């Protein structure tokens, strides 16, 4: 799976942020409202409101980041000043490998980085 999209849409971890509903909700009220409703209905965030769903990506304004406390983001962008983890001399590291086992989306993200 070779990455052929816009590099700015790729998260530090390899997730394709360009099609992420949370990132799209930043500029789309209807998506934000749908997300808030879904998070409430599933009991994930019982008091979810549309304005909670905003993200400018890993290199954007941290106050506008869905996972501003992400360890991968902190290591890659903050500590090492890289665009994504594939640039790291330690790639793929234990943290990224373990994260990729959590679900199929994360596994695909790691494989995307491996294809760069």
PDB file of N, CA and C in Angstrom:
ATOM      1  N   UNK A   1       0.845  -1.164   0.000  1.00  0.00           N
ATOM      2  CA  UNK A   1       0.000   0.000   0.000  1.00  0.00           C
ATOM      3  C   UNK A   1       0.898   1.237   0.000  1.00  0.00           C
ATOM      4  N   UNK A   2       1.122   1.762  -1.140  1.00  0.00           N
ATOM      5  CA  UNK A   2       1.975   2.943  -1.254  1.00  0.00           C
ATOM      6  C   UNK A   2       1.136   4.202  -1.075  1.00  0.00           C
ATOM      7  N   UNK A   3       1.655   5.160  -0.325  1.00  0.00           N
ATOM      8  CA  UNK A   3       0.947   6.418  -0.075  1.00  0.00           C
ATOM      9  C   UNK A   3       1.103   7.323  -1.280  1.00  0.00           C
ATOM     10  N   UNK A   4      -0.010   7.750  -1.858  1.00  0.00           N
ATOM     11  CA  UNK A   4       0.024   8.632  -3.023  1.00  0.00           C
ATOM     12  C   UNK A   4      -0.738   9.929  -2.769  1.00  0.00           C
ATOM     13  N   UNK A   5      -1.179  10.130  -1.529  1.00  0.00           N
ATOM     14  CA  UNK A   5      -1.953  11.317  -1.204  1.00  0.00           C
ATOM     15  C   UNK A   5      -1.088  12.505  -0.848  1.00  0.00           C
ATOM     16  N   UNK A   6      -1.747  13.541  -0.396  1.00  0.00           N
ATOM     17  CA  UNK A   6      -1.099  14.772   0.037  1.00  0.00           C
ATOM     18  C   UNK A   6      -0.351  14.497   1.342  1.00  0.00           C
ATOM     19  N   UNK A   7       0.961  14.746   1.388  1.00  0.00           N
ATOM     20  CA  UNK A   7       1.736  14.479   2.614  1.00  0.00           C
ATOM     21  C   UNK A   7       1.204  15.204   3.842  1.00  0.00           C
ATOM     22  N   UNK A   8       0.578  16.351   3.663  1.00  0.00           N
ATOM     23  CA  UNK A   8       0.054  17.090   4.813  1.00  0.00           C
ATOM     24  C   UNK A   8      -1.148  16.396   5.437  1.00  0.00           C
ATOM     25  N   UNK A   9      -1.742  15.440   4.743  1.00  0.00           N
ATOM     26  CA  UNK A   9      -2.888  14.710   5.262  1.00  0.00           C
ATOM     27  C   UNK A   9      -2.479  13.455   6.026  1.00  0.00           C
ATOM     28  N   UNK A  10      -1.197  13.169   6.070  1.00  0.00           N
ATOM     29  CA  UNK A  10      -0.705  11.985   6.750  1.00  0.00           C
ATOM     30  C   UNK A  10      -0.294  12.346   8.176  1.00  0.00           C
ATOM     31  N   UNK A  11      -0.860  11.639   9.151  1.00  0.00           N
ATOM     32  CA  UNK A  11      -0.507  11.879  10.539  1.00  0.00           C
ATOM     33  C   UNK A  11       0.883  11.359  10.838  1.00  0.00           C
ATOM     34  N   UNK A  12       1.436  11.771  11.952  1.00  0.00           N
ATOM     35  CA  UNK A  12       2.763  11.325  12.371  1.00  0.00           C
ATOM     36  C   UNK A  12       2.836   9.800  12.421  1.00  0.00           C
ATOM     37  N   UNK A  13       1.746   9.165  12.813  1.00  0.00           N
ATOM     38  CA  UNK A  13       1.689   7.713  12.964  1.00  0.00           C
ATOM     39  C   UNK A  13       1.364   6.992  11.665  1.00  0.00           C
ATOM     40  N   UNK A  14       1.008   7.736  10.629  1.00  0.00           N
ATOM     41  CA  UNK A  14       0.672   7.122   9.352  1.00  0.00           C
ATOM     42  C   UNK A  14      -0.806   7.087   9.043  1.00  0.00           C
ATOM     43  N   UNK A  15      -1.641   7.525   9.984  1.00  0.00           N
ATOM     44  CA  UNK A  15      -3.080   7.563   9.711  1.00  0.00           C
ATOM     45  C   UNK A  15      -3.355   8.588   8.618  1.00  0.00           C
ATOM     46  N   UNK A  16      -4.283   8.246   7.722  1.00  0.00           N
ATOM     47  CA  UNK A  16      -4.703   9.165   6.673  1.00  0.00           C
ATOM     48  C   UNK A  16      -5.717  10.129   7.272  1.00  0.00           C
ATOM     49  N   UNK A  17      -5.249  11.293   7.659  1.00  0.00           N
ATOM     50  CA  UNK A  17      -6.110  12.286   8.292  1.00  0.00           C
ATOM     51  C   UNK A  17      -7.002  13.006   7.283  1.00  0.00           C
ATOM     52  N   UNK A  18      -6.692  12.881   6.008  1.00  0.00           N
ATOM     53  CA  UNK A  18      -7.462  13.570   4.983  1.00  0.00           C
ATOM     54  C   UNK A  18      -8.897  13.103   4.887  1.00  0.00           C
ATOM     55  N   UNK A  19      -9.158  11.853   5.299  1.00  0.00           N
ATOM     56  CA  UNK A  19     -10.530  11.370   5.260  1.00  0.00           C
ATOM     57  C   UNK A  19     -11.078  11.095   6.657  1.00  0.00           C
ATOM     58  N   UNK A  20     -10.470  11.671   7.666  1.00  0.00           N
ATOM     59  CA  UNK A  20     -10.893  11.491   9.060  1.00  0.00           C
ATOM     60  C   UNK A  20     -12.071  12.424   9.357  1.00  0.00           C
ATOM     61  N   UNK A  21     -13.165  11.846   9.840  1.00  0.00           N
ATOM     62  CA  UNK A  21     -14.343  12.656  10.150  1.00  0.00           C
ATOM     63  C   UNK A  21     -14.061  13.742  11.180  1.00  0.00           C
ATOM     64  N   UNK A  22     -13.220  13.450  12.146  1.00  0.00           N
ATOM     65  CA  UNK A  22     -12.936  14.464  13.165  1.00  0.00           C
ATOM     66  C   UNK A  22     -12.205  15.649  12.540  1.00  0.00           C
ATOM     67  N   UNK A  23     -11.254  15.377  11.643  1.00  0.00           N
ATOM     68  CA  UNK A  23     -10.569  16.477  10.969  1.00  0.00           C
ATOM     69  C   UNK A  23     -11.533  17.217  10.045  1.00  0.00           C
ATOM     70  N   UNK A  24     -12.381  16.484   9.330  1.00  0.00           N
ATOM     71  CA  UNK A  24     -13.350  17.117   8.434  1.00  0.00           C
ATOM     72  C   UNK A  24     -14.396  17.925   9.211  1.00  0.00           C
ATOM     73  N   UNK A  25     -14.705  17.491  10.432  1.00  0.00           N
ATOM     74  CA  UNK A  25     -15.696  18.189  11.254  1.00  0.00           C
ATOM     75  C   UNK A  25     -15.243  19.589  11.647  1.00  0.00           C
ATOM     76  N   UNK A  26     -13.941  19.831  11.603  1.00  0.00           N
ATOM     77  CA  UNK A  26     -13.413  21.143  11.934  1.00  0.00           C
ATOM     78  C   UNK A  26     -14.076  22.230  11.090  1.00  0.00           C
ATOM     79  N   UNK A  27     -14.350  21.897   9.826  1.00  0.00           N
ATOM     80  CA  UNK A  27     -14.935  22.870   8.899  1.00  0.00           C
ATOM     81  C   UNK A  27     -16.315  22.466   8.392  1.00  0.00           C
ATOM     82  N   UNK A  28     -16.914  21.435   9.006  1.00  0.00           N
ATOM     83  CA  UNK A  28     -18.197  20.949   8.517  1.00  0.00           C
ATOM     84  C   UNK A  28     -19.123  20.675   9.706  1.00  0.00           C
ATOM     85  N   UNK A  29     -20.059  21.577   9.910  1.00  0.00           N
ATOM     86  CA  UNK A  29     -20.964  21.508  11.056  1.00  0.00           C
ATOM     87  C   UNK A  29     -21.796  20.228  11.060  1.00  0.00           C
ATOM     88  N   UNK A  30     -22.216  19.772   9.896  1.00  0.00           N
ATOM     89  CA  UNK A  30     -23.041  18.564   9.827  1.00  0.00           C
ATOM     90  C   UNK A  30     -22.281  17.326  10.295  1.00  0.00           C
ATOM     91  N   UNK A  31     -21.012  17.211   9.900  1.00  0.00           N
ATOM     92  CA  UNK A  31     -20.199  16.083  10.354  1.00  0.00           C
ATOM     93  C   UNK A  31     -19.988  16.177  11.859  1.00  0.00           C
ATOM     94  N   UNK A  32     -19.710  17.381  12.361  1.00  0.00           N
ATOM     95  CA  UNK A  32     -19.502  17.572  13.800  1.00  0.00           C
ATOM     96  C   UNK A  32     -20.745  17.183  14.590  1.00  0.00           C
ATOM     97  N   UNK A  33     -21.915  17.551  14.099  1.00  0.00           N
ATOM     98  CA  UNK A  33     -23.157  17.199  14.780  1.00  0.00           C
ATOM     99  C   UNK A  33     -23.386  15.691  14.756  1.00  0.00           C
ATOM    100  N   UNK A  34     -23.087  15.036  13.634  1.00  0.00           N
ATOM    101  CA  UNK A  34     -23.237  13.584  13.533  1.00  0.00           C
ATOM    102  C   UNK A  34     -22.292  12.872  14.496  1.00  0.00           C
ATOM    103  N   UNK A  35     -21.056  13.351  14.577  1.00  0.00           N
ATOM    104  CA  UNK A  35     -20.089  12.753  15.497  1.00  0.00           C
ATOM    105  C   UNK A  35     -20.536  12.905  16.948  1.00  0.00           C
ATOM    106  N   UNK A  36     -20.980  14.097  17.319  1.00  0.00           N
ATOM    107  CA  UNK A  36     -21.425  14.330  18.693  1.00  0.00           C
ATOM    108  C   UNK A  36     -22.585  13.401  19.040  1.00  0.00           C
ATOM    109  N   UNK A  37     -23.520  13.283  18.140  1.00  0.00           N
ATOM    110  CA  UNK A  37     -24.668  12.405  18.364  1.00  0.00           C
ATOM    111  C   UNK A  37     -24.203  10.949  18.532  1.00  0.00           C
ATOM    112  N   UNK A  38     -23.326  10.495  17.658  1.00  0.00           N
ATOM    113  CA  UNK A  38     -22.830   9.118  17.732  1.00  0.00           C
ATOM    114  C   UNK A  38     -22.050   8.829  19.000  1.00  0.00           C
ATOM    115  N   UNK A  39     -21.206   9.766  19.405  1.00  0.00           N
ATOM    116  CA  UNK A  39     -20.418   9.580  20.626  1.00  0.00           C
ATOM    117  C   UNK A  39     -21.334   9.535  21.846  1.00  0.00           C
ATOM    118  N   UNK A  40     -22.400  10.353  21.839  1.00  0.00           N
ATOM    119  CA  UNK A  40     -23.364  10.327  22.943  1.00  0.00           C
ATOM    120  C   UNK A  40     -24.115   8.997  22.971  1.00  0.00           C
ATOM    121  N   UNK A  41     -24.636   8.596  21.806  1.00  0.00           N
ATOM    122  CA  UNK A  41     -25.443   7.377  21.729  1.00  0.00           C
ATOM    123  C   UNK A  41     -24.652   6.136  22.135  1.00  0.00           C
ATOM    124  N   UNK A  42     -23.380   6.098  21.823  1.00  0.00           N
ATOM    125  CA  UNK A  42     -22.547   4.928  22.167  1.00  0.00           C
ATOM    126  C   UNK A  42     -21.963   5.051  23.573  1.00  0.00           C
ATOM    127  N   UNK A  43     -22.231   6.161  24.247  1.00  0.00           N
ATOM    128  CA  UNK A  43     -21.758   6.346  25.611  1.00  0.00           C
ATOM    129  C   UNK A  43     -20.263   6.626  25.706  1.00  0.00           C
ATOM    130  N   UNK A  44     -19.632   6.977  24.594  1.00  0.00           N
ATOM    131  CA  UNK A  44     -18.195   7.260  24.591  1.00  0.00           C
ATOM    132  C   UNK A  44     -17.919   8.592  25.273  1.00  0.00           C
ATOM    133  N   UNK A  45     -18.677   9.608  24.860  1.00  0.00           N
ATOM    134  CA  UNK A  45     -18.613  10.931  25.500  1.00  0.00           C
ATOM    135  C   UNK A  45     -20.069  11.347  25.710  1.00  0.00           C
ATOM    136  N   UNK A  46     -20.624  11.049  26.879  1.00  0.00           N
ATOM    137  CA  UNK A  46     -22.048  11.300  27.125  1.00  0.00           C
ATOM    138  C   UNK A  46     -22.484  12.753  26.924  1.00  0.00           C
ATOM    139  N   UNK A  47     -21.581  13.694  27.136  1.00  0.00           N
ATOM    140  CA  UNK A  47     -21.931  15.112  26.987  1.00  0.00           C
ATOM    141  C   UNK A  47     -21.284  15.731  25.745  1.00  0.00           C
ATOM    142  N   UNK A  48     -21.071  14.931  24.708  1.00  0.00           N
ATOM    143  CA  UNK A  48     -20.414  15.411  23.489  1.00  0.00           C
ATOM    144  C   UNK A  48     -21.206  16.539  22.830  1.00  0.00           C
ATOM    145  N   UNK A  49     -20.471  17.537  22.358  1.00  0.00           N
ATOM    146  CA  UNK A  49     -21.055  18.644  21.608  1.00  0.00           C
ATOM    147  C   UNK A  49     -20.286  18.788  20.299  1.00  0.00           C
ATOM    148  N   UNK A  50     -20.912  19.295  19.264  1.00  0.00           N
ATOM    149  CA  UNK A  50     -20.244  19.419  17.966  1.00  0.00           C
ATOM    150  C   UNK A  50     -18.925  20.183  18.013  1.00  0.00           C
ATOM    151  N   UNK A  51     -18.817  21.187  18.871  1.00  0.00           N
ATOM    152  CA  UNK A  51     -17.587  21.983  18.908  1.00  0.00           C
ATOM    153  C   UNK A  51     -16.404  21.217  19.503  1.00  0.00           C
ATOM    154  N   UNK A  52     -16.634  20.024  20.045  1.00  0.00           N
ATOM    155  CA  UNK A  52     -15.549  19.203  20.571  1.00  0.00           C
ATOM    156  C   UNK A  52     -14.763  18.513  19.451  1.00  0.00           C
ATOM    157  N   UNK A  53     -15.360  18.397  18.284  1.00  0.00           N
ATOM    158  CA  UNK A  53     -14.771  17.627  17.195  1.00  0.00           C
ATOM    159  C   UNK A  53     -14.040  18.545  16.222  1.00  0.00           C
ATOM    160  N   UNK A  54     -12.746  18.721  16.525  1.00  0.00           N
ATOM    161  CA  UNK A  54     -11.884  19.598  15.731  1.00  0.00           C
ATOM    162  C   UNK A  54     -10.488  19.011  15.742  1.00  0.00           C
ATOM    163  N   UNK A  55      -9.822  19.111  14.616  1.00  0.00           N
ATOM    164  CA  UNK A  55      -8.429  18.668  14.557  1.00  0.00           C
ATOM    165  C   UNK A  55      -7.765  19.291  13.335  1.00  0.00           C
ATOM    166  N   UNK A  56      -6.610  19.871  13.548  1.00  0.00           N
ATOM    167  CA  UNK A  56      -5.823  20.442  12.459  1.00  0.00           C
ATOM    168  C   UNK A  56      -4.644  19.558  12.093  1.00  0.00           C
ATOM    169  N   UNK A  57      -4.635  18.333  12.590  1.00  0.00           N
ATOM    170  CA  UNK A  57      -3.561  17.402  12.269  1.00  0.00           C
ATOM    171  C   UNK A  57      -2.372  17.531  13.207  1.00  0.00           C
ATOM    172  N   UNK A  58      -1.419  16.634  13.027  1.00  0.00           N
ATOM    173  CA  UNK A  58      -0.275  16.526  13.943  1.00  0.00           C
ATOM    174  C   UNK A  58       0.635  17.749  13.937  1.00  0.00           C
ATOM    175  N   UNK A  59       0.677  18.463  12.866  1.00  0.00           N
ATOM    176  CA  UNK A  59       1.560  19.622  12.809  1.00  0.00           C
ATOM    177  C   UNK A  59       0.779  20.931  12.925  1.00  0.00           C
ATOM    178  N   UNK A  60      -0.496  20.813  13.241  1.00  0.00           N
ATOM    179  CA  UNK A  60      -1.343  21.986  13.387  1.00  0.00           C
ATOM    180  C   UNK A  60      -1.384  22.478  14.824  1.00  0.00           C
ATOM    181  N   UNK A  61      -2.274  23.396  15.058  1.00  0.00           N
ATOM    182  CA  UNK A  61      -2.487  23.981  16.377  1.00  0.00           C
ATOM    183  C   UNK A  61      -2.874  22.878  17.356  1.00  0.00           C
ATOM    184  N   UNK A  62      -2.091  22.692  18.394  1.00  0.00           N
ATOM    185  CA  UNK A  62      -2.330  21.601  19.350  1.00  0.00           C
ATOM    186  C   UNK A  62      -3.646  21.776  20.075  1.00  0.00           C
ATOM    187  N   UNK A  63      -4.130  23.005  20.227  1.00  0.00           N
ATOM    188  CA  UNK A  63      -5.431  23.195  20.860  1.00  0.00           C
ATOM    189  C   UNK A  63      -6.557  22.732  19.940  1.00  0.00           C
ATOM    190  N   UNK A  64      -6.221  22.475  18.685  1.00  0.00           N
ATOM    191  CA  UNK A  64      -7.190  21.990  17.693  1.00  0.00           C
ATOM    192  C   UNK A  64      -6.854  20.550  17.294  1.00  0.00           C
ATOM    193  N   UNK A  65      -6.259  19.790  18.187  1.00  0.00           N
ATOM    194  CA  UNK A  65      -5.877  18.408  17.876  1.00  0.00           C
ATOM    195  C   UNK A  65      -6.719  17.456  18.703  1.00  0.00           C
ATOM    196  N   UNK A  66      -7.304  16.456  18.057  1.00  0.00           N
ATOM    197  CA  UNK A  66      -8.174  15.505  18.736  1.00  0.00           C
ATOM    198  C   UNK A  66      -7.424  14.731  19.814  1.00  0.00           C
ATOM    199  N   UNK A  67      -6.175  14.376  19.535  1.00  0.00           N
ATOM    200  CA  UNK A  67      -5.381  13.583  20.483  1.00  0.00           C
ATOM    201  C   UNK A  67      -4.103  14.325  20.846  1.00  0.00           C
ATOM    202  N   UNK A  68      -4.250  15.509  21.387  1.00  0.00           N
ATOM    203  CA  UNK A  68      -3.092  16.357  21.681  1.00  0.00           C
ATOM    204  C   UNK A  68      -2.111  15.707  22.648  1.00  0.00           C
ATOM    205  N   UNK A  69      -2.554  14.732  23.418  1.00  0.00           N
ATOM    206  CA  UNK A  69      -1.675  14.058  24.375  1.00  0.00           C
ATOM    207  C   UNK A  69      -1.115  12.737  23.829  1.00  0.00           C
ATOM    208  N   UNK A  70      -1.168  12.531  22.536  1.00  0.00           N
ATOM    209  CA  UNK A  70      -0.698  11.298  21.896  1.00  0.00           C
ATOM    210  C   UNK A  70       0.817  11.137  22.077  1.00  0.00           C
ATOM    211  N   UNK A  71       1.234   9.995  22.584  1.00  0.00           N
ATOM    212  CA  UNK A  71       2.655   9.724  22.794  1.00  0.00           C
ATOM    213  C   UNK A  71       3.441   9.641  21.501  1.00  0.00           C
ATOM    214  N   UNK A  72       2.817   9.117  20.459  1.00  0.00           N
ATOM    215  CA  UNK A  72       3.490   9.030  19.160  1.00  0.00           C
ATOM    216  C   UNK A  72       3.703  10.436  18.606  1.00  0.00           C
ATOM    217  N   UNK A  73       2.705  11.263  18.703  1.00  0.00           N
ATOM    218  CA  UNK A  73       2.805  12.658  18.265  1.00  0.00           C
ATOM    219  C   UNK A  73       3.912  13.382  19.029  1.00  0.00           C
ATOM    220  N   UNK A  74       3.926  13.226  20.339  1.00  0.00           N
ATOM    221  CA  UNK A  74       4.943  13.897  21.155  1.00  0.00           C
ATOM    222  C   UNK A  74       6.348  13.472  20.754  1.00  0.00           C
ATOM    223  N   UNK A  75       6.558  12.185  20.569  1.00  0.00           N
ATOM    224  CA  UNK A  75       7.878  11.671  20.215  1.00  0.00           C
ATOM    225  C   UNK A  75       8.297  12.138  18.814  1.00  0.00           C
ATOM    226  N   UNK A  76       7.419  11.933  17.857  1.00  0.00           N
ATOM    227  CA  UNK A  76       7.753  12.213  16.458  1.00  0.00           C
ATOM    228  C   UNK A  76       7.881  13.703  16.160  1.00  0.00           C
ATOM    229  N   UNK A  77       6.850  14.447  16.471  1.00  0.00           N
ATOM    230  CA  UNK A  77       6.794  15.862  16.090  1.00  0.00           C
ATOM    231  C   UNK A  77       7.492  16.760  17.112  1.00  0.00           C
ATOM    232  N   UNK A  78       7.125  16.605  18.389  1.00  0.00           N
ATOM    233  CA  UNK A  78       7.644  17.503  19.418  1.00  0.00           C
ATOM    234  C   UNK A  78       9.111  17.246  19.754  1.00  0.00           C
ATOM    235  N   UNK A  79       9.447  15.973  20.006  1.00  0.00           N
ATOM    236  CA  UNK A  79      10.802  15.660  20.448  1.00  0.00           C
ATOM    237  C   UNK A  79      11.804  15.543  19.298  1.00  0.00           C
ATOM    238  N   UNK A  80      11.368  14.998  18.174  1.00  0.00           N
ATOM    239  CA  UNK A  80      12.306  14.720  17.080  1.00  0.00           C
ATOM    240  C   UNK A  80      12.149  15.649  15.881  1.00  0.00           C
ATOM    241  N   UNK A  81      11.087  16.459  15.860  1.00  0.00           N
ATOM    242  CA  UNK A  81      10.889  17.438  14.797  1.00  0.00           C
ATOM    243  C   UNK A  81      10.676  16.833  13.423  1.00  0.00           C
ATOM    244  N   UNK A  82      10.030  15.682  13.373  1.00  0.00           N
ATOM    245  CA  UNK A  82       9.820  14.979  12.106  1.00  0.00           C
ATOM    246  C   UNK A  82       8.395  15.155  11.621  1.00  0.00           C
ATOM    247  N   UNK A  83       8.194  14.907  10.349  1.00  0.00           N
ATOM    248  CA  UNK A  83       6.857  14.963   9.756  1.00  0.00           C
ATOM    249  C   UNK A  83       6.065  13.713  10.109  1.00  0.00           C
ATOM    250  N   UNK A  84       6.715  12.556  10.048  1.00  0.00           N
ATOM    251  CA  UNK A  84       6.067  11.304  10.421  1.00  0.00           C
ATOM    252  C   UNK A  84       7.124  10.314  10.904  1.00  0.00           C
ATOM    253  N   UNK A  85       6.674   9.248  11.486  1.00  0.00           N
ATOM    254  CA  UNK A  85       7.574   8.295  12.128  1.00  0.00           C
ATOM    255  C   UNK A  85       8.527   7.590  11.155  1.00  0.00           C
ATOM    256  N   UNK A  86       8.190   7.529   9.883  1.00  0.00           N
ATOM    257  CA  UNK A  86       9.069   6.837   8.932  1.00  0.00           C
ATOM    258  C   UNK A  86      10.414   7.538   8.780  1.00  0.00           C
ATOM    259  N   UNK A  87      10.503   8.798   9.189  1.00  0.00           N
ATOM    260  CA  UNK A  87      11.755   9.553   9.092  1.00  0.00           C
ATOM    261  C   UNK A  87      12.728   9.231  10.223  1.00  0.00           C
ATOM    262  N   UNK A  88      12.268   8.508  11.217  1.00  0.00           N
ATOM    263  CA  UNK A  88      13.053   8.257  12.421  1.00  0.00           C
ATOM    264  C   UNK A  88      14.079   7.137  12.210  1.00  0.00           C
ATOM    265  N   UNK A  89      15.236   7.314  12.788  1.00  0.00           N
ATOM    266  CA  UNK A  89      16.281   6.286  12.701  1.00  0.00           C
ATOM    267  C   UNK A  89      15.871   5.034  13.453  1.00  0.00           C
ATOM    268  N   UNK A  90      14.910   5.137  14.397  1.00  0.00           N
ATOM    269  CA  UNK A  90      14.443   4.003  15.175  1.00  0.00           C
ATOM    270  C   UNK A  90      13.181   3.358  14.598  1.00  0.00           C
ATOM    271  N   UNK A  91      12.778   3.778  13.425  1.00  0.00           N
ATOM    272  CA  UNK A  91      11.539   3.280  12.802  1.00  0.00           C
ATOM    273  C   UNK A  91      11.701   1.854  12.319  1.00  0.00           C
ATOM    274  N   UNK A  92      10.718   1.017  12.574  1.00  0.00           N
ATOM    275  CA  UNK A  92       9.564   1.199  13.444  1.00  0.00           C
ATOM    276  C   UNK A  92       9.936   0.866  14.880  1.00  0.00           C
ATOM    277  N   UNK A  93       9.586   1.720  15.783  1.00  0.00           N
ATOM    278  CA  UNK A  93       9.946   1.542  17.196  1.00  0.00           C
ATOM    279  C   UNK A  93       8.921   0.653  17.901  1.00  0.00           C
ATOM    280  N   UNK A  94       9.239   0.273  19.108  1.00  0.00           N
ATOM    281  CA  UNK A  94       8.359  -0.578  19.908  1.00  0.00           C
ATOM    282  C   UNK A  94       7.011   0.098  20.149  1.00  0.00           C
ATOM    283  N   UNK A  95       7.033   1.399  20.456  1.00  0.00           N
ATOM    284  CA  UNK A  95       5.787   2.119  20.720  1.00  0.00           C
ATOM    285  C   UNK A  95       4.857   2.051  19.512  1.00  0.00           C
ATOM    286  N   UNK A  96       5.382   2.300  18.334  1.00  0.00           N
ATOM    287  CA  UNK A  96       4.572   2.282  17.112  1.00  0.00           C
ATOM    288  C   UNK A  96       4.112   0.860  16.783  1.00  0.00           C
ATOM    289  N   UNK A  97       4.982  -0.105  16.952  1.00  0.00           N
ATOM    290  CA  UNK A  97       4.624  -1.505  16.686  1.00  0.00           C
ATOM    291  C   UNK A  97       3.492  -1.956  17.617  1.00  0.00           C
ATOM    292  N   UNK A  98       3.605  -1.652  18.901  1.00  0.00           N
ATOM    293  CA  UNK A  98       2.570  -2.044  19.858  1.00  0.00           C
ATOM    294  C   UNK A  98       1.253  -1.341  19.550  1.00  0.00           C
ATOM    295  N   UNK A  99       1.316  -0.066  19.235  1.00  0.00           N
ATOM    296  CA  UNK A  99       0.120   0.710  18.877  1.00  0.00           C
ATOM    297  C   UNK A  99      -0.577   0.092  17.678  1.00  0.00           C
ATOM    298  N   UNK A 100       0.190  -0.372  16.702  1.00  0.00           N
ATOM    299  CA  UNK A 100      -0.383  -0.911  15.462  1.00  0.00           C
ATOM    300  C   UNK A 100      -1.164  -2.201  15.683  1.00  0.00           C
ATOM    301  N   UNK A 101      -0.987  -2.851  16.822  1.00  0.00           N
ATOM    302  CA  UNK A 101      -1.714  -4.097  17.085  1.00  0.00           C
ATOM    303  C   UNK A 101      -3.095  -3.850  17.687  1.00  0.00           C
ATOM    304  N   UNK A 102      -3.417  -2.617  17.996  1.00  0.00           N
ATOM    305  CA  UNK A 102      -4.693  -2.319  18.652  1.00  0.00           C
ATOM    306  C   UNK A 102      -5.903  -2.485  17.748  1.00  0.00           C
ATOM    307  N   UNK A 103      -5.746  -2.144  16.468  1.00  0.00           N
ATOM    308  CA  UNK A 103      -6.848  -2.350  15.527  1.00  0.00           C
ATOM    309  C   UNK A 103      -6.329  -2.301  14.090  1.00  0.00           C
ATOM    310  N   UNK A 104      -7.182  -2.675  13.174  1.00  0.00           N
ATOM    311  CA  UNK A 104      -6.782  -2.773  11.766  1.00  0.00           C
ATOM    312  C   UNK A 104      -6.388  -1.419  11.182  1.00  0.00           C
ATOM    313  N   UNK A 105      -7.059  -0.368  11.594  1.00  0.00           N
ATOM    314  CA  UNK A 105      -6.745   0.983  11.094  1.00  0.00           C
ATOM    315  C   UNK A 105      -5.318   1.378  11.458  1.00  0.00           C
ATOM    316  N   UNK A 106      -4.899   1.061  12.683  1.00  0.00           N
ATOM    317  CA  UNK A 106      -3.550   1.385  13.127  1.00  0.00           C
ATOM    318  C   UNK A 106      -2.513   0.523  12.404  1.00  0.00           C
ATOM    319  N   UNK A 107      -2.866  -0.727  12.170  1.00  0.00           N
ATOM    320  CA  UNK A 107      -1.962  -1.606  11.421  1.00  0.00           C
ATOM    321  C   UNK A 107      -1.756  -1.072   9.999  1.00  0.00           C
ATOM    322  N   UNK A 108      -2.833  -0.630   9.376  1.00  0.00           N
ATOM    323  CA  UNK A 108      -2.730  -0.051   8.032  1.00  0.00           C
ATOM    324  C   UNK A 108      -1.878   1.220   8.050  1.00  0.00           C
ATOM    325  N   UNK A 109      -2.000   2.007   9.100  1.00  0.00           N
ATOM    326  CA  UNK A 109      -1.207   3.239   9.216  1.00  0.00           C
ATOM    327  C   UNK A 109       0.291   2.917   9.275  1.00  0.00           C
ATOM    328  N   UNK A 110       0.649   1.930  10.073  1.00  0.00           N
ATOM    329  CA  UNK A 110       2.054   1.537  10.156  1.00  0.00           C
ATOM    330  C   UNK A 110       2.548   1.019   8.809  1.00  0.00           C
ATOM    331  N   UNK A 111       1.743   0.205   8.148  1.00  0.00           N
ATOM    332  CA  UNK A 111       2.145  -0.310   6.835  1.00  0.00           C
ATOM    333  C   UNK A 111       2.260   0.797   5.802  1.00  0.00           C
ATOM    334  N   UNK A 112       1.427   1.832   5.944  1.00  0.00           N
ATOM    335  CA  UNK A 112       1.525   2.983   5.050  1.00  0.00           C
ATOM    336  C   UNK A 112       2.886   3.664   5.226  1.00  0.00           C
ATOM    337  N   UNK A 113       3.305   3.832   6.480  1.00  0.00           N
ATOM    338  CA  UNK A 113       4.603   4.442   6.745  1.00  0.00           C
ATOM    339  C   UNK A 113       5.740   3.562   6.204  1.00  0.00           C
ATOM    340  N   UNK A 114       5.592   2.276   6.325  1.00  0.00           N
ATOM    341  CA  UNK A 114       6.623   1.356   5.826  1.00  0.00           C
ATOM    342  C   UNK A 114       6.756   1.441   4.315  1.00  0.00           C
ATOM    343  N   UNK A 115       5.700   1.873   3.638  1.00  0.00           N
ATOM    344  CA  UNK A 115       5.742   1.960   2.169  1.00  0.00           C
ATOM    345  C   UNK A 115       6.361   3.258   1.658  1.00  0.00           C
ATOM    346  N   UNK A 116       6.593   4.211   2.559  1.00  0.00           N
ATOM    347  CA  UNK A 116       7.136   5.511   2.117  1.00  0.00           C
ATOM    348  C   UNK A 116       8.600   5.388   1.712  1.00  0.00           C
TER     349      UNK A 116
END
